[in-house]
Amino acid sequence: MSSSPNPNDYLGHCEDIDADHPDIIERAQKLAGASIEETAKNCFEFVRDSIQHTGDEERNPVTCRASDVLWHGIGYCYAKSHLLCAFLRANQIPAGLCYQRLSIEGDGAPFCLHGLNAVHLPDHGWYRIDARGNKPGVDAQFIPPREQLAFATDMAGERDLDEIWQTPHPAVIECLRRHEDWLELSQDLPDQDLPDIEER
């Protein structure tokens, strides 16, 4: 990561990163390993592999709060990143939320935000991980110090947003709370069309 915010600022909880929820704490403890790095990997692989991706499965419910994602076992990338962040923080590992701006169809506009995470590892600093779930053409892994994310940002209009968020992006929360149906949400995905997002 190009930015290095204070890890101590990324240990709290909020409405949607409810790391203090009993179900989150219980599962997080079960995922704890012998080291911070092992624990982070366990949490990442659980969310990546055991929580379904709403768009891949094409089913409801639309989830947002971390404990709801865990309870229902499904969520869009944003919701899955909320759960991973909550697991990590419940294990006292600093974690935040990151976003990419990606082409929805892979051929230019329209674009949408994609949610992933950054975790602070003692030997590597801030390290991005993407637990959206693997499938043909998507192979996200936890292999620090090398990042292996689900998607590259190599198309004009796409971009990695550098900021590590302590709480979820407001546009993401608004969309997840406004739509109860996965298909409606898939046609109204959040975007951040900032002036400094330049065509490359």
Protein backbone atom coordinates (compact mmCIF):
# COMPACT_ATOMS: atom_id res chain seq x y z
CA MET A 1 0.00 0.00 0.00
CA SER A 2 1.19 3.50 -0.78
CA SER A 3 -0.43 4.98 2.33
CA SER A 4 0.56 4.06 5.89
CA PRO A 5 -2.12 5.18 8.34
CA ASN A 6 -1.80 4.41 12.04
CA PRO A 7 -2.85 0.77 12.62
CA ASN A 8 -4.26 1.66 16.04
CA ASP A 9 -7.01 3.62 14.29
CA TYR A 10 -8.29 0.41 12.66
CA LEU A 11 -9.30 -1.70 15.64
CA GLY A 12 -12.73 -0.29 16.46
CA HIS A 13 -16.23 -1.36 15.55
CA CYS A 14 -19.30 0.35 14.11
CA GLU A 15 -22.82 -0.56 13.00
CA ASP A 16 -21.73 -2.53 9.95
CA ILE A 17 -18.31 -3.70 11.19
CA ASP A 18 -19.83 -5.13 14.37
CA ALA A 19 -16.67 -6.84 15.60
CA ASP A 20 -18.17 -6.83 19.11
CA HIS A 21 -21.10 -9.08 18.10
CA PRO A 22 -21.05 -12.40 20.01
CA ASP A 23 -21.31 -14.48 16.82
CA ILE A 24 -18.42 -12.58 15.25
CA ILE A 25 -16.27 -12.99 18.36
CA GLU A 26 -17.04 -16.71 18.61
CA ARG A 27 -16.14 -17.44 14.98
CA ALA A 28 -13.10 -15.14 15.09
CA GLN A 29 -11.74 -17.04 18.07
CA LYS A 30 -12.15 -20.31 16.18
CA LEU A 31 -10.17 -18.85 13.30
CA ALA A 32 -7.32 -17.65 15.50
CA GLY A 33 -3.95 -19.21 14.67
CA ALA A 34 -0.51 -19.32 16.25
CA SER A 35 0.51 -15.94 14.81
CA ILE A 36 -1.08 -12.74 13.53
CA GLU A 37 -0.29 -13.74 9.96
CA GLU A 38 -1.80 -17.21 10.37
CA THR A 39 -4.91 -15.76 11.97
CA ALA A 40 -5.30 -13.21 9.18
CA LYS A 41 -4.93 -15.94 6.56
CA ASN A 42 -7.50 -18.14 8.33
CA CYS A 43 -10.00 -15.28 8.46
CA PHE A 44 -9.38 -14.39 4.82
CA GLU A 45 -9.80 -17.96 3.57
CA PHE A 46 -12.96 -18.50 5.62
CA VAL A 47 -14.66 -15.43 4.15
CA ARG A 48 -13.35 -16.12 0.65
CA ASP A 49 -14.35 -19.78 0.57
CA SER A 50 -17.21 -20.25 3.05
CA ILE A 51 -19.27 -17.11 2.46
CA GLN A 52 -20.98 -17.11 -0.93
CA HIS A 53 -20.90 -14.13 -3.29
CA THR A 54 -24.37 -12.77 -3.96
CA GLY A 55 -23.70 -12.01 -7.61
CA ASP A 56 -22.23 -15.44 -8.26
CA GLU A 57 -25.10 -17.25 -6.55
CA GLU A 58 -27.81 -14.88 -7.83
CA ARG A 59 -29.90 -15.11 -4.69
CA ASN A 60 -31.04 -13.04 -1.74
CA PRO A 61 -30.74 -11.73 0.87
CA VAL A 62 -28.73 -8.58 0.29
CA THR A 63 -26.53 -8.28 3.39
CA CYS A 64 -24.46 -5.44 4.78
CA ARG A 65 -23.70 -5.78 8.50
CA ALA A 66 -20.89 -8.23 9.22
CA SER A 67 -22.93 -10.36 11.61
CA ASP A 68 -25.73 -10.64 9.02
CA VAL A 69 -23.23 -11.76 6.38
CA LEU A 70 -22.03 -14.46 8.77
CA TRP A 71 -25.56 -15.50 9.70
CA HIS A 72 -26.84 -15.79 6.11
CA GLY A 73 -23.54 -16.99 4.65
CA ILE A 74 -23.71 -14.68 1.65
CA GLY A 75 -22.92 -11.14 0.56
CA TYR A 76 -21.66 -8.93 -2.22
CA CYS A 77 -17.94 -8.10 -2.19
CA TYR A 78 -18.66 -5.08 0.01
CA ALA A 79 -20.50 -7.12 2.62
CA LYS A 80 -17.85 -9.84 2.59
CA SER A 81 -15.19 -7.19 3.22
CA HIS A 82 -17.24 -5.99 6.22
CA LEU A 83 -17.20 -9.50 7.66
CA LEU A 84 -13.47 -10.01 7.09
CA CYS A 85 -12.74 -6.65 8.70
CA ALA A 86 -14.87 -7.60 11.71
CA PHE A 87 -13.13 -10.98 12.12
CA LEU A 88 -9.70 -9.38 11.99
CA ARG A 89 -10.58 -6.64 14.46
CA ALA A 90 -12.22 -9.16 16.79
CA ASN A 91 -8.80 -10.85 16.84
CA GLN A 92 -7.14 -7.47 17.58
CA ILE A 93 -5.59 -7.27 14.12
CA PRO A 94 -5.82 -3.80 12.51
CA ALA A 95 -7.92 -3.96 9.36
CA GLY A 96 -9.63 -1.51 7.04
CA LEU A 97 -11.69 -1.33 3.89
CA CYS A 98 -10.34 -0.61 0.43
CA TYR A 99 -11.99 0.00 -2.91
CA GLN A 100 -11.22 -0.34 -6.56
CA ARG A 101 -13.10 1.29 -9.41
CA LEU A 102 -13.71 -1.38 -12.03
CA SER A 103 -15.45 -1.73 -15.36
CA ILE A 104 -18.64 -3.71 -14.75
CA GLU A 105 -18.52 -5.57 -18.05
CA GLY A 106 -14.75 -5.42 -18.50
CA ASP A 107 -14.94 -3.22 -21.60
CA GLY A 108 -15.17 0.35 -20.30
CA ALA A 109 -18.12 2.25 -18.85
CA PRO A 110 -20.16 1.76 -16.77
CA PHE A 111 -17.94 1.45 -13.71
CA CYS A 112 -18.57 0.49 -10.10
CA LEU A 113 -16.74 0.27 -6.81
CA HIS A 114 -15.38 -3.10 -5.71
CA GLY A 115 -14.80 -3.77 -2.03
CA LEU A 116 -11.77 -5.46 -0.50
CA ASN A 117 -9.61 -5.14 2.62
CA ALA A 118 -6.25 -4.07 3.96
CA VAL A 119 -4.77 -5.80 6.99
CA HIS A 120 -1.74 -4.63 8.95
CA LEU A 121 0.82 -7.42 9.34
CA PRO A 122 3.84 -7.02 11.67
CA ASP A 123 6.39 -8.09 9.05
CA HIS A 124 4.83 -6.42 6.01
CA GLY A 125 2.78 -3.39 7.05
CA TRP A 126 -0.49 -2.75 5.25
CA TYR A 127 -1.34 -5.59 2.88
CA ARG A 128 -4.40 -5.77 0.62
CA ILE A 129 -6.52 -8.91 0.40
CA ASP A 130 -9.69 -9.65 -1.56
CA ALA A 131 -12.11 -12.23 -0.17
CA ARG A 132 -14.87 -11.78 -2.79
CA GLY A 133 -14.58 -15.48 -3.66
CA ASN A 134 -12.65 -17.28 -6.36
CA LYS A 135 -14.11 -18.63 -9.59
CA PRO A 136 -12.79 -19.22 -13.12
CA GLY A 137 -10.68 -16.17 -13.93
CA VAL A 138 -10.50 -15.01 -10.30
CA ASP A 139 -7.73 -16.34 -8.03
CA ALA A 140 -7.23 -14.13 -4.97
CA GLN A 141 -4.68 -15.41 -2.45
CA PHE A 142 -3.02 -14.52 0.86
CA ILE A 143 0.70 -14.71 0.05
CA PRO A 144 2.44 -11.69 1.64
CA PRO A 145 4.33 -9.67 0.75
CA ARG A 146 2.99 -10.22 -2.78
CA GLU A 147 -0.56 -9.04 -3.41
CA GLN A 148 -2.77 -11.34 -5.41
CA LEU A 149 -6.13 -9.63 -5.70
CA ALA A 150 -9.24 -10.73 -7.54
CA PHE A 151 -9.02 -8.00 -10.18
CA ALA A 152 -6.42 -5.78 -11.83
CA THR A 153 -7.07 -2.12 -12.63
CA ASP A 154 -5.44 -1.86 -16.03
CA MET A 155 -8.25 -0.44 -18.15
CA ALA A 156 -8.91 3.23 -18.85
CA GLY A 157 -11.22 4.56 -16.15
CA GLU A 158 -10.31 1.86 -13.64
CA ARG A 159 -8.32 2.70 -10.55
CA ASP A 160 -7.15 1.50 -7.16
CA LEU A 161 -8.40 3.99 -4.57
CA ASP A 162 -5.47 4.52 -2.20
CA GLU A 163 -7.36 5.29 0.99
CA ILE A 164 -7.81 2.68 3.71
CA TRP A 165 -11.26 3.34 5.19
CA GLN A 166 -11.99 2.84 8.89
CA THR A 167 -15.71 2.50 8.17
CA PRO A 168 -17.54 1.53 4.96
CA HIS A 169 -17.84 3.96 2.06
CA PRO A 170 -21.16 5.89 2.39
CA ALA A 171 -22.16 5.16 -1.22
CA VAL A 172 -21.73 1.43 -0.58
CA ILE A 173 -23.83 1.49 2.58
CA GLU A 174 -26.55 3.54 0.88
CA CYS A 175 -26.83 1.07 -2.00
CA LEU A 176 -26.82 -2.02 0.20
CA ARG A 177 -29.52 -0.58 2.46
CA ARG A 178 -31.66 0.74 -0.40
CA HIS A 179 -31.98 -2.56 -2.24
CA GLU A 180 -33.50 -5.71 -0.83
CA ASP A 181 -33.20 -7.68 -4.08
CA TRP A 182 -29.84 -8.85 -5.41
CA LEU A 183 -30.82 -8.28 -9.05
CA GLU A 184 -31.93 -4.69 -8.44
CA LEU A 185 -28.67 -3.99 -6.66
CA SER A 186 -26.65 -5.58 -9.47
CA GLN A 187 -28.14 -2.98 -11.81
CA ASP A 188 -27.39 -0.07 -9.45
CA LEU A 189 -23.91 -0.76 -8.10
CA PRO A 190 -22.18 2.14 -6.31
CA ASP A 191 -19.55 4.21 -8.08
CA GLN A 192 -17.25 7.08 -7.13
CA ASP A 193 -16.74 9.25 -10.17
CA LEU A 194 -14.24 11.65 -8.65
CA PRO A 195 -12.60 14.44 -10.66
CA ASP A 196 -9.15 12.98 -9.90
CA ILE A 197 -10.07 9.64 -11.48
CA GLU A 198 -8.43 10.25 -14.82
CA GLU A 199 -8.60 8.18 -17.94
CA ARG A 200 -5.34 6.28 -18.38
